[in-house]
Amino acid sequence: MARSRAAQKAATILARLRVQHPDAHCELVHRDAFTLLVSVVLSAQTTDVAVNQVTPALFARWPDAASLAGAAVADVEATINRIGMYRQKARNIVALSRELVARHDGQVPNAVAALVALPGVGRKTANVVLGVAFGAPDGVVVDTHVLRLSQRLGWTKHDDPAKVERDLVALFPREQWDLLGHTVIFHGRRICTARRPACEACSVHDLCPSAHRAVDVGRKAPRPRGASAGTTG
């Protein structure tokens, strides 16, 4: 019974968020599954806006897997060097293009196992591609916004993306998984931001257990003073 009440409340929240963000969609500009895949790989720790600024030149020169597979990494680096981690990302998108040509006839596979086997592709990227390009997500995309809002809305008590995803797929029906991700990401970017959540402008503040104290929920712990900036966890 408790689970059904939780699912009913979650459904109400999503319905209201859909009304507040009726245009929620993937904001990475793309024309097919390949350009979407590359764009999502490039978006790691970088804004969609920044990615959309470099991909027109990238895809004008290398429009498909076959052409990008033959590119010199240095040339790709020079084309995308305005985004973070551009050297690693250049290596990844050239390498994944070569894998697509060698193993998938240059086409993006529509199976999560095949996608995550590609260089630079994790489960989050795979779910974006499966949901947006193929309409068949294998789960819910859990980026920093989805993770933060899932905690604030009481949908999960976890901070590990894999565990958060398991909670979300148990709470929402499969046909809502793709839409859920886009809607929550829109809300996280525009209303329920990390540092200054606008609870007064939120359509679900009356249902949110973190309302008016959300700034204390779902944010990464501050780095200890004196910790090395190059340390990763």
C-alpha atoms as a PDB file:
ATOM      1  CA  MET A   1       0.000   0.000   0.000  1.00  0.00           C
ATOM      2  CA  ALA A   2       2.800   2.406   0.883  1.00  0.00           C
ATOM      3  CA  ARG A   3       4.430   1.771  -2.469  1.00  0.00           C
ATOM      4  CA  SER A   4       1.212   2.488  -4.369  1.00  0.00           C
ATOM      5  CA  ARG A   5       0.767   5.761  -2.488  1.00  0.00           C
ATOM      6  CA  ALA A   6       4.353   6.705  -3.323  1.00  0.00           C
ATOM      7  CA  ALA A   7       3.787   5.870  -6.991  1.00  0.00           C
ATOM      8  CA  GLN A   8       0.546   7.868  -7.053  1.00  0.00           C
ATOM      9  CA  LYS A   9       2.263  10.895  -5.512  1.00  0.00           C
ATOM     10  CA  ALA A  10       5.175  10.560  -7.962  1.00  0.00           C
ATOM     11  CA  ALA A  11       2.712  10.425 -10.862  1.00  0.00           C
ATOM     12  CA  THR A  12       1.032  13.606  -9.628  1.00  0.00           C
ATOM     13  CA  ILE A  13       4.382  15.365  -9.339  1.00  0.00           C
ATOM     14  CA  LEU A  14       5.415  14.350 -12.846  1.00  0.00           C
ATOM     15  CA  ALA A  15       2.066  15.441 -14.280  1.00  0.00           C
ATOM     16  CA  ARG A  16       2.429  18.893 -12.734  1.00  0.00           C
ATOM     17  CA  LEU A  17       6.021  19.204 -13.908  1.00  0.00           C
ATOM     18  CA  ARG A  18       4.879  18.290 -17.417  1.00  0.00           C
ATOM     19  CA  VAL A  19       2.417  21.174 -17.310  1.00  0.00           C
ATOM     20  CA  GLN A  20       5.147  23.510 -16.091  1.00  0.00           C
ATOM     21  CA  HIS A  21       7.604  22.295 -18.749  1.00  0.00           C
ATOM     22  CA  PRO A  22       5.500  21.147 -21.727  1.00  0.00           C
ATOM     23  CA  ASP A  23       8.444  21.612 -24.098  1.00  0.00           C
ATOM     24  CA  ALA A  24      10.881  19.412 -22.167  1.00  0.00           C
ATOM     25  CA  HIS A  25      13.172  17.619 -24.602  1.00  0.00           C
ATOM     26  CA  CYS A  26      16.801  16.728 -25.230  1.00  0.00           C
ATOM     27  CA  GLU A  27      18.539  20.070 -25.745  1.00  0.00           C
ATOM     28  CA  LEU A  28      21.528  18.662 -27.618  1.00  0.00           C
ATOM     29  CA  VAL A  29      21.150  19.585 -31.279  1.00  0.00           C
ATOM     30  CA  HIS A  30      21.395  16.473 -33.457  1.00  0.00           C
ATOM     31  CA  ARG A  31      20.017  15.064 -36.675  1.00  0.00           C
ATOM     32  CA  ASP A  32      20.331  11.298 -36.164  1.00  0.00           C
ATOM     33  CA  ALA A  33      21.433   8.620 -33.705  1.00  0.00           C
ATOM     34  CA  PHE A  34      25.118   9.099 -34.536  1.00  0.00           C
ATOM     35  CA  THR A  35      25.204  12.858 -34.014  1.00  0.00           C
ATOM     36  CA  LEU A  36      23.187  12.398 -30.813  1.00  0.00           C
ATOM     37  CA  LEU A  37      25.600   9.764 -29.506  1.00  0.00           C
ATOM     38  CA  VAL A  38      28.627  11.944 -30.172  1.00  0.00           C
ATOM     39  CA  SER A  39      26.935  14.982 -28.657  1.00  0.00           C
ATOM     40  CA  VAL A  40      26.061  13.141 -25.459  1.00  0.00           C
ATOM     41  CA  VAL A  41      29.637  11.885 -25.100  1.00  0.00           C
ATOM     42  CA  LEU A  42      30.864  15.455 -25.548  1.00  0.00           C
ATOM     43  CA  SER A  43      28.404  16.746 -22.931  1.00  0.00           C
ATOM     44  CA  ALA A  44      30.069  15.042 -19.958  1.00  0.00           C
ATOM     45  CA  GLN A  45      30.886  17.735 -17.374  1.00  0.00           C
ATOM     46  CA  THR A  46      30.026  20.347 -20.027  1.00  0.00           C
ATOM     47  CA  THR A  47      26.809  22.231 -20.719  1.00  0.00           C
ATOM     48  CA  ASP A  48      24.575  21.392 -23.656  1.00  0.00           C
ATOM     49  CA  VAL A  49      24.946  25.004 -24.769  1.00  0.00           C
ATOM     50  CA  ALA A  50      28.715  24.609 -25.034  1.00  0.00           C
ATOM     51  CA  VAL A  51      28.390  21.335 -26.937  1.00  0.00           C
ATOM     52  CA  ASN A  52      25.914  22.872 -29.373  1.00  0.00           C
ATOM     53  CA  GLN A  53      28.467  25.571 -30.139  1.00  0.00           C
ATOM     54  CA  VAL A  54      31.124  23.109 -31.339  1.00  0.00           C
ATOM     55  CA  THR A  55      29.092  20.361 -33.011  1.00  0.00           C
ATOM     56  CA  PRO A  56      28.031  22.272 -36.159  1.00  0.00           C
ATOM     57  CA  ALA A  57      31.657  22.504 -37.317  1.00  0.00           C
ATOM     58  CA  LEU A  58      32.377  18.968 -36.107  1.00  0.00           C
ATOM     59  CA  PHE A  59      29.501  17.382 -38.018  1.00  0.00           C
ATOM     60  CA  ALA A  60      29.986  19.550 -41.082  1.00  0.00           C
ATOM     61  CA  ARG A  61      33.466  18.062 -41.457  1.00  0.00           C
ATOM     62  CA  TRP A  62      32.714  14.539 -40.156  1.00  0.00           C
ATOM     63  CA  PRO A  63      28.978  13.864 -40.587  1.00  0.00           C
ATOM     64  CA  ASP A  64      28.956  10.138 -39.880  1.00  0.00           C
ATOM     65  CA  ALA A  65      30.848   7.302 -38.241  1.00  0.00           C
ATOM     66  CA  ALA A  66      32.780   6.407 -41.375  1.00  0.00           C
ATOM     67  CA  SER A  67      34.207   9.902 -41.801  1.00  0.00           C
ATOM     68  CA  LEU A  68      34.957  10.473 -38.104  1.00  0.00           C
ATOM     69  CA  ALA A  69      36.613   7.058 -37.881  1.00  0.00           C
ATOM     70  CA  GLY A  70      39.195   8.288 -40.367  1.00  0.00           C
ATOM     71  CA  ALA A  71      39.823  11.613 -38.677  1.00  0.00           C
ATOM     72  CA  ALA A  72      43.092  12.576 -37.034  1.00  0.00           C
ATOM     73  CA  VAL A  73      42.507  13.022 -33.315  1.00  0.00           C
ATOM     74  CA  ALA A  74      44.491  16.274 -33.364  1.00  0.00           C
ATOM     75  CA  ASP A  75      42.111  17.724 -35.965  1.00  0.00           C
ATOM     76  CA  VAL A  76      39.099  16.731 -33.860  1.00  0.00           C
ATOM     77  CA  GLU A  77      40.718  18.277 -30.774  1.00  0.00           C
ATOM     78  CA  ALA A  78      41.163  21.550 -32.620  1.00  0.00           C
ATOM     79  CA  THR A  79      37.496  21.542 -33.589  1.00  0.00           C
ATOM     80  CA  ILE A  80      36.083  20.918 -30.087  1.00  0.00           C
ATOM     81  CA  ASN A  81      38.734  22.607 -27.928  1.00  0.00           C
ATOM     82  CA  ARG A  82      36.242  25.071 -26.442  1.00  0.00           C
ATOM     83  CA  ILE A  83      34.665  22.382 -24.254  1.00  0.00           C
ATOM     84  CA  GLY A  84      36.072  20.729 -21.161  1.00  0.00           C
ATOM     85  CA  MET A  85      38.143  17.548 -21.404  1.00  0.00           C
ATOM     86  CA  TYR A  86      38.297  18.008 -25.163  1.00  0.00           C
ATOM     87  CA  ARG A  87      41.421  15.871 -25.650  1.00  0.00           C
ATOM     88  CA  GLN A  88      39.908  12.790 -24.000  1.00  0.00           C
ATOM     89  CA  LYS A  89      36.584  13.386 -25.702  1.00  0.00           C
ATOM     90  CA  ALA A  90      38.240  13.693 -29.109  1.00  0.00           C
ATOM     91  CA  ARG A  91      39.957  10.345 -28.579  1.00  0.00           C
ATOM     92  CA  ASN A  92      36.679   8.769 -27.462  1.00  0.00           C
ATOM     93  CA  ILE A  93      34.529   9.934 -30.361  1.00  0.00           C
ATOM     94  CA  VAL A  94      37.110   8.878 -32.927  1.00  0.00           C
ATOM     95  CA  ALA A  95      37.509   5.508 -31.204  1.00  0.00           C
ATOM     96  CA  LEU A  96      33.775   4.894 -30.900  1.00  0.00           C
ATOM     97  CA  SER A  97      33.356   5.788 -34.567  1.00  0.00           C
ATOM     98  CA  ARG A  98      35.961   3.196 -35.491  1.00  0.00           C
ATOM     99  CA  GLU A  99      34.097   0.631 -33.347  1.00  0.00           C
ATOM    100  CA  LEU A 100      30.816   1.486 -35.054  1.00  0.00           C
ATOM    101  CA  VAL A 101      32.398   0.948 -38.454  1.00  0.00           C
ATOM    102  CA  ALA A 102      34.172  -2.244 -37.455  1.00  0.00           C
ATOM    103  CA  ARG A 103      31.361  -3.895 -35.490  1.00  0.00           C
ATOM    104  CA  HIS A 104      28.065  -2.269 -36.495  1.00  0.00           C
ATOM    105  CA  ASP A 105      28.440  -1.293 -40.170  1.00  0.00           C
ATOM    106  CA  GLY A 106      28.735   2.327 -39.134  1.00  0.00           C
ATOM    107  CA  GLN A 107      25.324   2.372 -37.455  1.00  0.00           C
ATOM    108  CA  VAL A 108      24.507   3.137 -33.830  1.00  0.00           C
ATOM    109  CA  PRO A 109      23.228  -0.044 -32.120  1.00  0.00           C
ATOM    110  CA  ASN A 110      19.908   0.052 -30.290  1.00  0.00           C
ATOM    111  CA  ALA A 111      20.951  -2.227 -27.412  1.00  0.00           C
ATOM    112  CA  VAL A 112      22.374  -1.012 -24.119  1.00  0.00           C
ATOM    113  CA  ALA A 113      25.074  -3.711 -23.942  1.00  0.00           C
ATOM    114  CA  ALA A 114      26.430  -2.771 -27.358  1.00  0.00           C
ATOM    115  CA  LEU A 115      26.330   0.941 -26.577  1.00  0.00           C
ATOM    116  CA  VAL A 116      28.169   0.766 -23.259  1.00  0.00           C
ATOM    117  CA  ALA A 117      30.873  -1.314 -24.954  1.00  0.00           C
ATOM    118  CA  LEU A 118      31.795   1.752 -27.029  1.00  0.00           C
ATOM    119  CA  PRO A 119      34.620   4.043 -25.837  1.00  0.00           C
ATOM    120  CA  GLY A 120      33.373   6.890 -23.659  1.00  0.00           C
ATOM    121  CA  VAL A 121      29.821   5.541 -23.434  1.00  0.00           C
ATOM    122  CA  GLY A 122      28.291   4.770 -20.057  1.00  0.00           C
ATOM    123  CA  ARG A 123      24.789   3.805 -19.027  1.00  0.00           C
ATOM    124  CA  LYS A 124      23.555   7.400 -18.858  1.00  0.00           C
ATOM    125  CA  THR A 125      24.685   8.087 -22.436  1.00  0.00           C
ATOM    126  CA  ALA A 126      23.203   4.797 -23.607  1.00  0.00           C
ATOM    127  CA  ASN A 127      19.825   5.629 -22.073  1.00  0.00           C
ATOM    128  CA  VAL A 128      19.765   9.065 -23.691  1.00  0.00           C
ATOM    129  CA  VAL A 129      20.429   7.519 -27.108  1.00  0.00           C
ATOM    130  CA  LEU A 130      17.970   4.667 -26.630  1.00  0.00           C
ATOM    131  CA  GLY A 131      15.230   6.993 -25.423  1.00  0.00           C
ATOM    132  CA  VAL A 132      15.679   9.912 -27.818  1.00  0.00           C
ATOM    133  CA  ALA A 133      16.851   8.177 -30.995  1.00  0.00           C
ATOM    134  CA  PHE A 134      15.004   4.868 -30.682  1.00  0.00           C
ATOM    135  CA  GLY A 135      12.130   5.583 -28.286  1.00  0.00           C
ATOM    136  CA  ALA A 136      13.087   2.568 -26.192  1.00  0.00           C
ATOM    137  CA  PRO A 137      15.073   3.516 -23.067  1.00  0.00           C
ATOM    138  CA  ASP A 138      16.485   0.699 -20.973  1.00  0.00           C
ATOM    139  CA  GLY A 139      16.106   2.859 -17.842  1.00  0.00           C
ATOM    140  CA  VAL A 140      15.968   6.441 -16.629  1.00  0.00           C
ATOM    141  CA  VAL A 141      18.752   8.891 -17.421  1.00  0.00           C
ATOM    142  CA  VAL A 142      20.324   9.897 -14.100  1.00  0.00           C
ATOM    143  CA  ASP A 143      22.421  12.995 -14.567  1.00  0.00           C
ATOM    144  CA  THR A 144      23.284  15.535 -11.875  1.00  0.00           C
ATOM    145  CA  HIS A 145      19.847  17.189 -12.121  1.00  0.00           C
ATOM    146  CA  VAL A 146      17.853  13.946 -11.954  1.00  0.00           C
ATOM    147  CA  LEU A 147      19.941  12.744  -9.036  1.00  0.00           C
ATOM    148  CA  ARG A 148      19.506  15.999  -7.126  1.00  0.00           C
ATOM    149  CA  LEU A 149      15.759  16.325  -7.716  1.00  0.00           C
ATOM    150  CA  SER A 150      15.079  12.655  -7.006  1.00  0.00           C
ATOM    151  CA  GLN A 151      16.573  13.161  -3.567  1.00  0.00           C
ATOM    152  CA  ARG A 152      14.743  16.435  -2.974  1.00  0.00           C
ATOM    153  CA  LEU A 153      11.393  15.008  -4.073  1.00  0.00           C
ATOM    154  CA  GLY A 154      11.808  11.945  -1.876  1.00  0.00           C
ATOM    155  CA  TRP A 155      11.961   9.495  -4.763  1.00  0.00           C
ATOM    156  CA  THR A 156      15.222   8.019  -3.510  1.00  0.00           C
ATOM    157  CA  LYS A 157      17.472   8.041  -0.462  1.00  0.00           C
ATOM    158  CA  HIS A 158      20.548   7.093  -2.476  1.00  0.00           C
ATOM    159  CA  ASP A 159      23.287   9.174  -4.070  1.00  0.00           C
ATOM    160  CA  ASP A 160      24.695   6.446  -6.313  1.00  0.00           C
ATOM    161  CA  PRO A 161      23.296   6.903  -9.853  1.00  0.00           C
ATOM    162  CA  ALA A 162      22.742   3.173 -10.377  1.00  0.00           C
ATOM    163  CA  LYS A 163      20.699   2.899  -7.167  1.00  0.00           C
ATOM    164  CA  VAL A 164      18.774   6.080  -7.972  1.00  0.00           C
ATOM    165  CA  GLU A 165      17.922   4.658 -11.391  1.00  0.00           C
ATOM    166  CA  ARG A 166      16.655   1.432  -9.808  1.00  0.00           C
ATOM    167  CA  ASP A 167      14.378   3.458  -7.516  1.00  0.00           C
ATOM    168  CA  LEU A 168      13.019   5.503 -10.416  1.00  0.00           C
ATOM    169  CA  VAL A 169      12.269   2.575 -12.712  1.00  0.00           C
ATOM    170  CA  ALA A 170      10.415   0.929  -9.830  1.00  0.00           C
ATOM    171  CA  LEU A 171       8.387   4.092  -9.218  1.00  0.00           C
ATOM    172  CA  PHE A 172       7.467   5.027 -12.800  1.00  0.00           C
ATOM    173  CA  PRO A 173       6.119   2.914 -15.698  1.00  0.00           C
ATOM    174  CA  ARG A 174       8.459   2.223 -18.603  1.00  0.00           C
ATOM    175  CA  GLU A 175       6.512   4.410 -21.015  1.00  0.00           C
ATOM    176  CA  GLN A 176       7.373   7.443 -18.852  1.00  0.00           C
ATOM    177  CA  TRP A 177      11.088   6.811 -18.400  1.00  0.00           C
ATOM    178  CA  ASP A 178      12.296   8.962 -21.284  1.00  0.00           C
ATOM    179  CA  LEU A 179       9.843  11.796 -20.626  1.00  0.00           C
ATOM    180  CA  LEU A 180      10.646  11.688 -16.910  1.00  0.00           C
ATOM    181  CA  GLY A 181      14.323  12.335 -17.547  1.00  0.00           C
ATOM    182  CA  HIS A 182      13.769  15.295 -19.885  1.00  0.00           C
ATOM    183  CA  THR A 183      11.153  16.879 -17.623  1.00  0.00           C
ATOM    184  CA  VAL A 184      13.194  16.594 -14.446  1.00  0.00           C
ATOM    185  CA  ILE A 185      16.308  17.911 -16.209  1.00  0.00           C
ATOM    186  CA  PHE A 186      14.347  20.938 -17.463  1.00  0.00           C
ATOM    187  CA  HIS A 187      13.052  21.589 -13.942  1.00  0.00           C
ATOM    188  CA  GLY A 188      16.521  21.184 -12.459  1.00  0.00           C
ATOM    189  CA  ARG A 189      18.037  23.654 -14.921  1.00  0.00           C
ATOM    190  CA  ARG A 190      15.303  26.265 -14.671  1.00  0.00           C
ATOM    191  CA  ILE A 191      13.688  26.034 -11.216  1.00  0.00           C
ATOM    192  CA  CYS A 192      15.200  23.523  -8.780  1.00  0.00           C
ATOM    193  CA  THR A 193      18.803  24.543  -9.262  1.00  0.00           C
ATOM    194  CA  ALA A 194      21.593  23.309  -7.033  1.00  0.00           C
ATOM    195  CA  ARG A 195      22.461  26.545  -5.247  1.00  0.00           C
ATOM    196  CA  ARG A 196      19.332  28.682  -5.518  1.00  0.00           C
ATOM    197  CA  PRO A 197      16.236  26.492  -5.873  1.00  0.00           C
ATOM    198  CA  ALA A 198      13.210  28.674  -6.647  1.00  0.00           C
ATOM    199  CA  CYS A 199      10.662  26.911  -4.471  1.00  0.00           C
ATOM    200  CA  GLU A 200       8.142  29.753  -4.851  1.00  0.00           C
ATOM    201  CA  ALA A 201       8.085  29.187  -8.613  1.00  0.00           C
ATOM    202  CA  CYS A 202       7.861  25.401  -8.360  1.00  0.00           C
ATOM    203  CA  SER A 203       4.598  23.732  -9.354  1.00  0.00           C
ATOM    204  CA  VAL A 204       5.109  20.886  -6.859  1.00  0.00           C
ATOM    205  CA  HIS A 205       6.396  22.729  -3.793  1.00  0.00           C
ATOM    206  CA  ASP A 206       3.365  21.608  -1.776  1.00  0.00           C
ATOM    207  CA  LEU A 207       4.238  17.954  -2.474  1.00  0.00           C
ATOM    208  CA  CYS A 208       8.002  18.295  -2.056  1.00  0.00           C
ATOM    209  CA  PRO A 209       9.428  17.170   1.301  1.00  0.00           C
ATOM    210  CA  SER A 210      12.398  19.481   0.745  1.00  0.00           C
ATOM    211  CA  ALA A 211      10.449  22.627  -0.110  1.00  0.00           C
ATOM    212  CA  HIS A 212      12.070  25.846   1.152  1.00  0.00           C
ATOM    213  CA  ARG A 213      15.075  23.924   2.428  1.00  0.00           C
ATOM    214  CA  ALA A 214      15.993  22.207  -0.826  1.00  0.00           C
ATOM    215  CA  VAL A 215      19.373  23.921  -0.973  1.00  0.00           C
ATOM    216  CA  ASP A 216      20.519  21.536   1.764  1.00  0.00           C
ATOM    217  CA  VAL A 217      19.401  18.415  -0.128  1.00  0.00           C
ATOM    218  CA  GLY A 218      20.930  16.669  -3.108  1.00  0.00           C
ATOM    219  CA  ARG A 219      24.139  18.662  -3.395  1.00  0.00           C
ATOM    220  CA  LYS A 220      27.629  17.259  -3.410  1.00  0.00           C
ATOM    221  CA  ALA A 221      29.462  17.591  -0.126  1.00  0.00           C
ATOM    222  CA  PRO A 222      31.911  20.502  -0.110  1.00  0.00           C
ATOM    223  CA  ARG A 223      35.533  19.634  -0.719  1.00  0.00           C
ATOM    224  CA  PRO A 224      37.504  19.499   2.559  1.00  0.00           C
ATOM    225  CA  ARG A 225      39.685  22.538   3.037  1.00  0.00           C
ATOM    226  CA  GLY A 226      43.221  21.835   1.929  1.00  0.00           C
ATOM    227  CA  ALA A 227      42.214  18.970  -0.356  1.00  0.00           C
ATOM    228  CA  SER A 228      44.079  18.756  -3.629  1.00  0.00           C
ATOM    229  CA  ALA A 229      42.171  20.151  -6.590  1.00  0.00           C
ATOM    230  CA  GLY A 230      43.385  17.236  -8.680  1.00  0.00           C
ATOM    231  CA  THR A 231      41.987  14.557  -6.394  1.00  0.00           C
ATOM    232  CA  THR A 232      39.113  12.492  -7.748  1.00  0.00           C
ATOM    233  CA  GLY A 233      36.896  10.012  -6.016  1.00  0.00           C
END
